[in-house]
């Protein structure tokens, strides 16, 4: 019921997850990321704890493949799951259990992974992978993963509906919460609506407002090594 991409920007080390589905409020459960650590998506028989534990494993020094192996060993429902990871070195890994519904699969590449279930056919994943690989590397990582998500829907997406009804985008920044966390919880054209939200998020006033979130509650600025890097880079 879901197709998604996890990715890393090799230029600045930021992570992004974009996801769409026929289900409701996908942004609340599937996408997860942590700055300087990695990105994860848990779908199929979704369990957000798997993504959280995967990011913890990456933070403890495991590679994407090692973290995935560790996750699967402890999960007795792994055959109904899909899990994707990308780590701080751009290594990606993914798992598609044999009990996932409809056509289900994944494709991994350098700095990205795409996966889906209940898909129209394998062309959905191929279209997403090609869109990401061939996107302009100077684009922000948010725009690159959004182009992949749109390509997946154009290739057929979720086979139960011509268009996804829920979609989400997360992009990491220099702080402990996402730089961007955009969600369409229910809409007849969720991917298109998410694209509109993304374009609005790139306006100067939004960038300025986002930078104001950098101060700690007691008024102290963020750590010096975070710099002033948020503006214009999501």
C-alpha atoms as a PDB file:
ATOM      1  CA  UNK A   1       0.000   0.000   0.000  1.00  0.00           C
ATOM      2  CA  UNK A   2       3.067   2.221   0.139  1.00  0.00           C
ATOM      3  CA  UNK A   3       6.004   3.406  -1.977  1.00  0.00           C
ATOM      4  CA  UNK A   4       8.906   5.374  -0.569  1.00  0.00           C
ATOM      5  CA  UNK A   5      12.484   6.559  -0.975  1.00  0.00           C
ATOM      6  CA  UNK A   6      15.192   7.126   1.645  1.00  0.00           C
ATOM      7  CA  UNK A   7      18.192   9.135   0.505  1.00  0.00           C
ATOM      8  CA  UNK A   8      21.347  11.013   1.475  1.00  0.00           C
ATOM      9  CA  UNK A   9      22.755  14.166  -0.093  1.00  0.00           C
ATOM     10  CA  UNK A  10      26.468  13.483  -0.687  1.00  0.00           C
ATOM     11  CA  UNK A  11      27.122  17.215  -0.867  1.00  0.00           C
ATOM     12  CA  UNK A  12      26.027  18.187   2.628  1.00  0.00           C
ATOM     13  CA  UNK A  13      25.244  14.879   4.341  1.00  0.00           C
ATOM     14  CA  UNK A  14      21.558  15.615   4.813  1.00  0.00           C
ATOM     15  CA  UNK A  15      18.939  12.857   4.709  1.00  0.00           C
ATOM     16  CA  UNK A  16      15.438  12.731   3.270  1.00  0.00           C
ATOM     17  CA  UNK A  17      12.488  10.354   3.208  1.00  0.00           C
ATOM     18  CA  UNK A  18       9.514  10.723   0.856  1.00  0.00           C
ATOM     19  CA  UNK A  19       6.553   8.352   0.995  1.00  0.00           C
ATOM     20  CA  UNK A  20       3.041   7.965  -0.431  1.00  0.00           C
ATOM     21  CA  UNK A  21       0.237   5.484   0.162  1.00  0.00           C
ATOM     22  CA  UNK A  22      -3.449   4.672  -0.217  1.00  0.00           C
ATOM     23  CA  UNK A  23      -3.630   4.596   3.589  1.00  0.00           C
ATOM     24  CA  UNK A  24      -4.210   7.493   6.015  1.00  0.00           C
ATOM     25  CA  UNK A  25      -1.569   9.803   7.577  1.00  0.00           C
ATOM     26  CA  UNK A  26       1.528   7.969   6.346  1.00  0.00           C
ATOM     27  CA  UNK A  27       3.848  10.672   7.677  1.00  0.00           C
ATOM     28  CA  UNK A  28       3.025   9.695  11.259  1.00  0.00           C
ATOM     29  CA  UNK A  29       4.508   6.192  11.017  1.00  0.00           C
ATOM     30  CA  UNK A  30       6.738   5.426   8.007  1.00  0.00           C
ATOM     31  CA  UNK A  31       9.471   8.124   7.625  1.00  0.00           C
ATOM     32  CA  UNK A  32      12.241   8.570  10.197  1.00  0.00           C
ATOM     33  CA  UNK A  33      15.632  10.267  10.135  1.00  0.00           C
ATOM     34  CA  UNK A  34      18.360  11.523  12.412  1.00  0.00           C
ATOM     35  CA  UNK A  35      20.929  14.168  11.558  1.00  0.00           C
ATOM     36  CA  UNK A  36      24.480  12.938  10.906  1.00  0.00           C
ATOM     37  CA  UNK A  37      23.206   9.360  11.303  1.00  0.00           C
ATOM     38  CA  UNK A  38      20.797   8.124   8.654  1.00  0.00           C
ATOM     39  CA  UNK A  39      17.261   7.713   7.353  1.00  0.00           C
ATOM     40  CA  UNK A  40      14.825   4.838   7.676  1.00  0.00           C
ATOM     41  CA  UNK A  41      11.397   3.766   6.467  1.00  0.00           C
ATOM     42  CA  UNK A  42       9.273   0.986   7.973  1.00  0.00           C
ATOM     43  CA  UNK A  43       6.285  -0.105   5.899  1.00  0.00           C
ATOM     44  CA  UNK A  44       4.257  -3.169   4.956  1.00  0.00           C
ATOM     45  CA  UNK A  45       3.379  -4.346   8.462  1.00  0.00           C
ATOM     46  CA  UNK A  46       4.604  -0.979   9.702  1.00  0.00           C
ATOM     47  CA  UNK A  47       6.358  -0.689  13.052  1.00  0.00           C
ATOM     48  CA  UNK A  48       7.966   2.692  13.822  1.00  0.00           C
ATOM     49  CA  UNK A  49      10.087   1.046  16.529  1.00  0.00           C
ATOM     50  CA  UNK A  50      11.993  -0.804  13.798  1.00  0.00           C
ATOM     51  CA  UNK A  51      12.980   2.491  12.191  1.00  0.00           C
ATOM     52  CA  UNK A  52      13.929   4.006  15.540  1.00  0.00           C
ATOM     53  CA  UNK A  53      16.028   0.978  16.479  1.00  0.00           C
ATOM     54  CA  UNK A  54      17.631   1.004  13.023  1.00  0.00           C
ATOM     55  CA  UNK A  55      18.696   4.620  13.488  1.00  0.00           C
ATOM     56  CA  UNK A  56      20.053   3.787  16.939  1.00  0.00           C
ATOM     57  CA  UNK A  57      22.096   0.970  15.407  1.00  0.00           C
ATOM     58  CA  UNK A  58      23.488   3.334  12.757  1.00  0.00           C
ATOM     59  CA  UNK A  59      24.323   5.840  15.492  1.00  0.00           C
ATOM     60  CA  UNK A  60      26.242   3.115  17.313  1.00  0.00           C
ATOM     61  CA  UNK A  61      28.485   2.601  14.292  1.00  0.00           C
ATOM     62  CA  UNK A  62      26.806  -0.225  12.374  1.00  0.00           C
ATOM     63  CA  UNK A  63      26.583   0.044   8.590  1.00  0.00           C
ATOM     64  CA  UNK A  64      23.194   0.032   6.862  1.00  0.00           C
ATOM     65  CA  UNK A  65      23.577  -3.684   6.070  1.00  0.00           C
ATOM     66  CA  UNK A  66      24.701  -4.568   9.587  1.00  0.00           C
ATOM     67  CA  UNK A  67      21.854  -2.590  11.139  1.00  0.00           C
ATOM     68  CA  UNK A  68      19.308  -4.281   8.894  1.00  0.00           C
ATOM     69  CA  UNK A  69      20.660  -7.737   9.757  1.00  0.00           C
ATOM     70  CA  UNK A  70      20.418  -6.921  13.448  1.00  0.00           C
ATOM     71  CA  UNK A  71      16.841  -5.654  13.092  1.00  0.00           C
ATOM     72  CA  UNK A  72      15.627  -8.714  11.221  1.00  0.00           C
ATOM     73  CA  UNK A  73      17.099 -11.163  13.717  1.00  0.00           C
ATOM     74  CA  UNK A  74      14.896  -9.813  16.461  1.00  0.00           C
ATOM     75  CA  UNK A  75      11.657  -9.416  14.493  1.00  0.00           C
ATOM     76  CA  UNK A  76       9.291 -12.376  14.360  1.00  0.00           C
ATOM     77  CA  UNK A  77       7.065 -10.515  11.870  1.00  0.00           C
ATOM     78  CA  UNK A  78       9.905  -9.740   9.440  1.00  0.00           C
ATOM     79  CA  UNK A  79       8.260 -11.689   6.605  1.00  0.00           C
ATOM     80  CA  UNK A  80       5.410  -9.152   6.538  1.00  0.00           C
ATOM     81  CA  UNK A  81       7.659  -6.088   6.708  1.00  0.00           C
ATOM     82  CA  UNK A  82       9.512  -3.717   4.429  1.00  0.00           C
ATOM     83  CA  UNK A  83      12.451  -1.803   5.907  1.00  0.00           C
ATOM     84  CA  UNK A  84      14.886   0.621   4.260  1.00  0.00           C
ATOM     85  CA  UNK A  85      17.994   2.291   5.649  1.00  0.00           C
ATOM     86  CA  UNK A  86      20.660   4.656   4.374  1.00  0.00           C
ATOM     87  CA  UNK A  87      23.660   5.527   6.555  1.00  0.00           C
ATOM     88  CA  UNK A  88      26.044   8.478   6.910  1.00  0.00           C
ATOM     89  CA  UNK A  89      28.386   7.053   4.266  1.00  0.00           C
ATOM     90  CA  UNK A  90      25.605   6.672   1.701  1.00  0.00           C
ATOM     91  CA  UNK A  91      25.381   2.900   2.057  1.00  0.00           C
ATOM     92  CA  UNK A  92      21.825   1.618   1.688  1.00  0.00           C
ATOM     93  CA  UNK A  93      20.036  -1.591   2.595  1.00  0.00           C
ATOM     94  CA  UNK A  94      16.473  -2.873   2.360  1.00  0.00           C
ATOM     95  CA  UNK A  95      14.316  -5.878   3.148  1.00  0.00           C
ATOM     96  CA  UNK A  96      11.040  -6.997   1.602  1.00  0.00           C
ATOM     97  CA  UNK A  97       9.353  -9.894   3.376  1.00  0.00           C
ATOM     98  CA  UNK A  98       7.713 -12.614   1.332  1.00  0.00           C
ATOM     99  CA  UNK A  99       4.329 -11.960   2.962  1.00  0.00           C
ATOM    100  CA  UNK A 100       4.093  -8.333   1.788  1.00  0.00           C
ATOM    101  CA  UNK A 101       0.935  -7.776  -0.271  1.00  0.00           C
ATOM    102  CA  UNK A 102       0.652  -7.379  -4.037  1.00  0.00           C
ATOM    103  CA  UNK A 103       3.820  -6.764  -5.990  1.00  0.00           C
ATOM    104  CA  UNK A 104       6.411  -5.795  -3.398  1.00  0.00           C
ATOM    105  CA  UNK A 105      10.126  -5.138  -3.778  1.00  0.00           C
ATOM    106  CA  UNK A 106      13.005  -2.732  -3.380  1.00  0.00           C
ATOM    107  CA  UNK A 107      16.010  -1.335  -5.245  1.00  0.00           C
ATOM    108  CA  UNK A 108      19.148  -0.061  -3.500  1.00  0.00           C
ATOM    109  CA  UNK A 109      21.821   2.248  -4.872  1.00  0.00           C
ATOM    110  CA  UNK A 110      24.516   4.592  -3.654  1.00  0.00           C
ATOM    111  CA  UNK A 111      22.928   7.194  -1.349  1.00  0.00           C
ATOM    112  CA  UNK A 112      19.366   5.904  -1.806  1.00  0.00           C
ATOM    113  CA  UNK A 113      16.887   3.051  -1.614  1.00  0.00           C
ATOM    114  CA  UNK A 114      13.329   2.751  -2.964  1.00  0.00           C
ATOM    115  CA  UNK A 115      10.708   0.232  -1.877  1.00  0.00           C
ATOM    116  CA  UNK A 116       7.009  -0.460  -2.240  1.00  0.00           C
ATOM    117  CA  UNK A 117       4.183  -2.924  -1.762  1.00  0.00           C
ATOM    118  CA  UNK A 118       0.756  -3.253  -3.388  1.00  0.00           C
ATOM    119  CA  UNK A 119       2.451  -1.712  -6.436  1.00  0.00           C
ATOM    120  CA  UNK A 120       1.056  -1.686  -9.949  1.00  0.00           C
ATOM    121  CA  UNK A 121       4.217  -3.422 -11.205  1.00  0.00           C
ATOM    122  CA  UNK A 122       8.049  -3.304 -10.891  1.00  0.00           C
ATOM    123  CA  UNK A 123       8.150  -0.243 -13.167  1.00  0.00           C
ATOM    124  CA  UNK A 124       7.146   1.894 -10.187  1.00  0.00           C
ATOM    125  CA  UNK A 125      10.410   1.209  -8.369  1.00  0.00           C
ATOM    126  CA  UNK A 126      12.454   1.478 -11.550  1.00  0.00           C
ATOM    127  CA  UNK A 127      10.909   4.872 -12.321  1.00  0.00           C
ATOM    128  CA  UNK A 128      11.658   6.131  -8.808  1.00  0.00           C
ATOM    129  CA  UNK A 129      15.255   4.926  -8.896  1.00  0.00           C
ATOM    130  CA  UNK A 130      15.886   6.426 -12.326  1.00  0.00           C
ATOM    131  CA  UNK A 131      14.301   9.741 -11.369  1.00  0.00           C
ATOM    132  CA  UNK A 132      16.584  10.025  -8.350  1.00  0.00           C
ATOM    133  CA  UNK A 133      19.734   8.907 -10.180  1.00  0.00           C
ATOM    134  CA  UNK A 134      19.147  11.303 -13.070  1.00  0.00           C
ATOM    135  CA  UNK A 135      17.988  14.287 -11.021  1.00  0.00           C
ATOM    136  CA  UNK A 136      20.272  17.303 -10.988  1.00  0.00           C
ATOM    137  CA  UNK A 137      22.797  16.723  -8.154  1.00  0.00           C
ATOM    138  CA  UNK A 138      22.755  20.458  -7.453  1.00  0.00           C
ATOM    139  CA  UNK A 139      19.089  20.229  -6.452  1.00  0.00           C
ATOM    140  CA  UNK A 140      18.233  20.162  -2.771  1.00  0.00           C
ATOM    141  CA  UNK A 141      17.689  16.633  -1.466  1.00  0.00           C
ATOM    142  CA  UNK A 142      14.024  17.404  -0.777  1.00  0.00           C
ATOM    143  CA  UNK A 143      13.429  18.226  -4.426  1.00  0.00           C
ATOM    144  CA  UNK A 144      15.302  15.124  -5.584  1.00  0.00           C
ATOM    145  CA  UNK A 145      13.231  12.713  -3.494  1.00  0.00           C
ATOM    146  CA  UNK A 146      10.009  14.500  -4.406  1.00  0.00           C
ATOM    147  CA  UNK A 147      10.829  14.023  -8.097  1.00  0.00           C
ATOM    148  CA  UNK A 148      11.305  10.297  -7.397  1.00  0.00           C
ATOM    149  CA  UNK A 149       7.991  10.061  -5.539  1.00  0.00           C
ATOM    150  CA  UNK A 150       6.134  11.789  -8.381  1.00  0.00           C
ATOM    151  CA  UNK A 151       7.786   9.442 -10.906  1.00  0.00           C
ATOM    152  CA  UNK A 152       6.600   6.445  -8.890  1.00  0.00           C
ATOM    153  CA  UNK A 153       3.016   7.626  -8.902  1.00  0.00           C
ATOM    154  CA  UNK A 154       3.166   8.439 -12.627  1.00  0.00           C
ATOM    155  CA  UNK A 155       4.354   4.864 -13.261  1.00  0.00           C
ATOM    156  CA  UNK A 156       1.329   3.406 -11.471  1.00  0.00           C
ATOM    157  CA  UNK A 157       2.030   3.765  -7.758  1.00  0.00           C
ATOM    158  CA  UNK A 158      -0.327   1.937  -5.430  1.00  0.00           C
ATOM    159  CA  UNK A 159      -2.389  -0.398  -7.618  1.00  0.00           C
ATOM    160  CA  UNK A 160      -5.546   0.088  -5.509  1.00  0.00           C
ATOM    161  CA  UNK A 161      -5.953   3.728  -6.506  1.00  0.00           C
ATOM    162  CA  UNK A 162      -4.871   5.953  -9.435  1.00  0.00           C
ATOM    163  CA  UNK A 163      -3.395   8.412  -6.925  1.00  0.00           C
ATOM    164  CA  UNK A 164      -2.105   8.154  -3.364  1.00  0.00           C
ATOM    165  CA  UNK A 165      -4.327   9.683  -0.685  1.00  0.00           C
ATOM    166  CA  UNK A 166      -1.561  10.368   1.862  1.00  0.00           C
ATOM    167  CA  UNK A 167       2.049  11.493   1.425  1.00  0.00           C
ATOM    168  CA  UNK A 168       4.922  12.905   3.468  1.00  0.00           C
ATOM    169  CA  UNK A 169       8.420  14.366   3.212  1.00  0.00           C
ATOM    170  CA  UNK A 170      11.096  14.702   5.887  1.00  0.00           C
ATOM    171  CA  UNK A 171      14.502  16.342   5.458  1.00  0.00           C
ATOM    172  CA  UNK A 172      17.184  16.514   8.151  1.00  0.00           C
ATOM    173  CA  UNK A 173      19.087  19.665   9.013  1.00  0.00           C
ATOM    174  CA  UNK A 174      21.665  20.710  11.600  1.00  0.00           C
ATOM    175  CA  UNK A 175      19.297  20.426  14.555  1.00  0.00           C
ATOM    176  CA  UNK A 176      17.839  17.481  16.466  1.00  0.00           C
ATOM    177  CA  UNK A 177      14.476  17.746  14.708  1.00  0.00           C
ATOM    178  CA  UNK A 178      13.778  17.685  10.948  1.00  0.00           C
ATOM    179  CA  UNK A 179      14.482  20.760   8.889  1.00  0.00           C
ATOM    180  CA  UNK A 180      11.361  19.895   6.893  1.00  0.00           C
ATOM    181  CA  UNK A 181       8.464  17.690   8.024  1.00  0.00           C
ATOM    182  CA  UNK A 182       5.644  18.071   5.484  1.00  0.00           C
ATOM    183  CA  UNK A 183       2.534  15.888   5.526  1.00  0.00           C
ATOM    184  CA  UNK A 184      -0.663  15.423   3.566  1.00  0.00           C
ATOM    185  CA  UNK A 185      -2.751  13.162   5.792  1.00  0.00           C
ATOM    186  CA  UNK A 186      -5.704  12.715   3.426  1.00  0.00           C
ATOM    187  CA  UNK A 187      -6.224  14.201  -0.021  1.00  0.00           C
ATOM    188  CA  UNK A 188      -7.391  12.797  -3.354  1.00  0.00           C
ATOM    189  CA  UNK A 189      -4.152  13.992  -4.972  1.00  0.00           C
ATOM    190  CA  UNK A 190      -1.756  13.717  -2.038  1.00  0.00           C
ATOM    191  CA  UNK A 191       1.530  13.617  -3.982  1.00  0.00           C
ATOM    192  CA  UNK A 192       0.595  16.709  -5.992  1.00  0.00           C
ATOM    193  CA  UNK A 193      -0.484  18.494  -2.806  1.00  0.00           C
ATOM    194  CA  UNK A 194       2.811  17.552  -1.143  1.00  0.00           C
ATOM    195  CA  UNK A 195       4.681  19.014  -4.114  1.00  0.00           C
ATOM    196  CA  UNK A 196       2.765  22.285  -3.615  1.00  0.00           C
ATOM    197  CA  UNK A 197       3.667  22.280   0.077  1.00  0.00           C
ATOM    198  CA  UNK A 198       7.312  21.702  -0.773  1.00  0.00           C
ATOM    199  CA  UNK A 199       7.368  24.648  -3.182  1.00  0.00           C
ATOM    200  CA  UNK A 200       5.812  26.883  -0.505  1.00  0.00           C
ATOM    201  CA  UNK A 201       8.469  25.697   1.963  1.00  0.00           C
ATOM    202  CA  UNK A 202      11.173  27.145  -0.282  1.00  0.00           C
ATOM    203  CA  UNK A 203       9.905  30.715  -0.048  1.00  0.00           C
ATOM    204  CA  UNK A 204      12.225  33.153   1.705  1.00  0.00           C
ATOM    205  CA  UNK A 205       9.841  33.951   4.569  1.00  0.00           C
ATOM    206  CA  UNK A 206       9.537  30.251   5.396  1.00  0.00           C
ATOM    207  CA  UNK A 207      13.301  29.823   5.366  1.00  0.00           C
ATOM    208  CA  UNK A 208      13.661  32.841   7.671  1.00  0.00           C
ATOM    209  CA  UNK A 209      11.006  31.521  10.068  1.00  0.00           C
ATOM    210  CA  UNK A 210      12.690  28.107  10.126  1.00  0.00           C
ATOM    211  CA  UNK A 211      16.037  29.641  11.077  1.00  0.00           C
ATOM    212  CA  UNK A 212      14.368  31.276  14.091  1.00  0.00           C
ATOM    213  CA  UNK A 213      13.722  27.782  15.492  1.00  0.00           C
ATOM    214  CA  UNK A 214      17.445  27.260  16.070  1.00  0.00           C
ATOM    215  CA  UNK A 215      17.655  28.874  19.516  1.00  0.00           C
ATOM    216  CA  UNK A 216      17.407  26.689  22.609  1.00  0.00           C
ATOM    217  CA  UNK A 217      14.503  27.408  25.027  1.00  0.00           C
ATOM    218  CA  UNK A 218      16.769  29.323  27.444  1.00  0.00           C
ATOM    219  CA  UNK A 219      17.817  31.680  24.667  1.00  0.00           C
ATOM    220  CA  UNK A 220      21.188  30.141  23.955  1.00  0.00           C
ATOM    221  CA  UNK A 221      22.060  29.733  20.264  1.00  0.00           C
ATOM    222  CA  UNK A 222      22.569  26.309  18.740  1.00  0.00           C
ATOM    223  CA  UNK A 223      26.083  24.838  19.020  1.00  0.00           C
ATOM    224  CA  UNK A 224      28.698  26.707  17.010  1.00  0.00           C
ATOM    225  CA  UNK A 225      29.526  23.701  14.829  1.00  0.00           C
ATOM    226  CA  UNK A 226      25.962  23.752  13.468  1.00  0.00           C
ATOM    227  CA  UNK A 227      26.667  27.067  11.779  1.00  0.00           C
ATOM    228  CA  UNK A 228      24.074  29.054   9.847  1.00  0.00           C
ATOM    229  CA  UNK A 229      23.423  26.332   7.314  1.00  0.00           C
ATOM    230  CA  UNK A 230      19.654  25.884   7.404  1.00  0.00           C
ATOM    231  CA  UNK A 231      18.570  28.596   5.012  1.00  0.00           C
ATOM    232  CA  UNK A 232      17.913  27.477   1.472  1.00  0.00           C
ATOM    233  CA  UNK A 233      19.141  23.915   1.793  1.00  0.00           C
ATOM    234  CA  UNK A 234      16.105  21.661   2.324  1.00  0.00           C
END
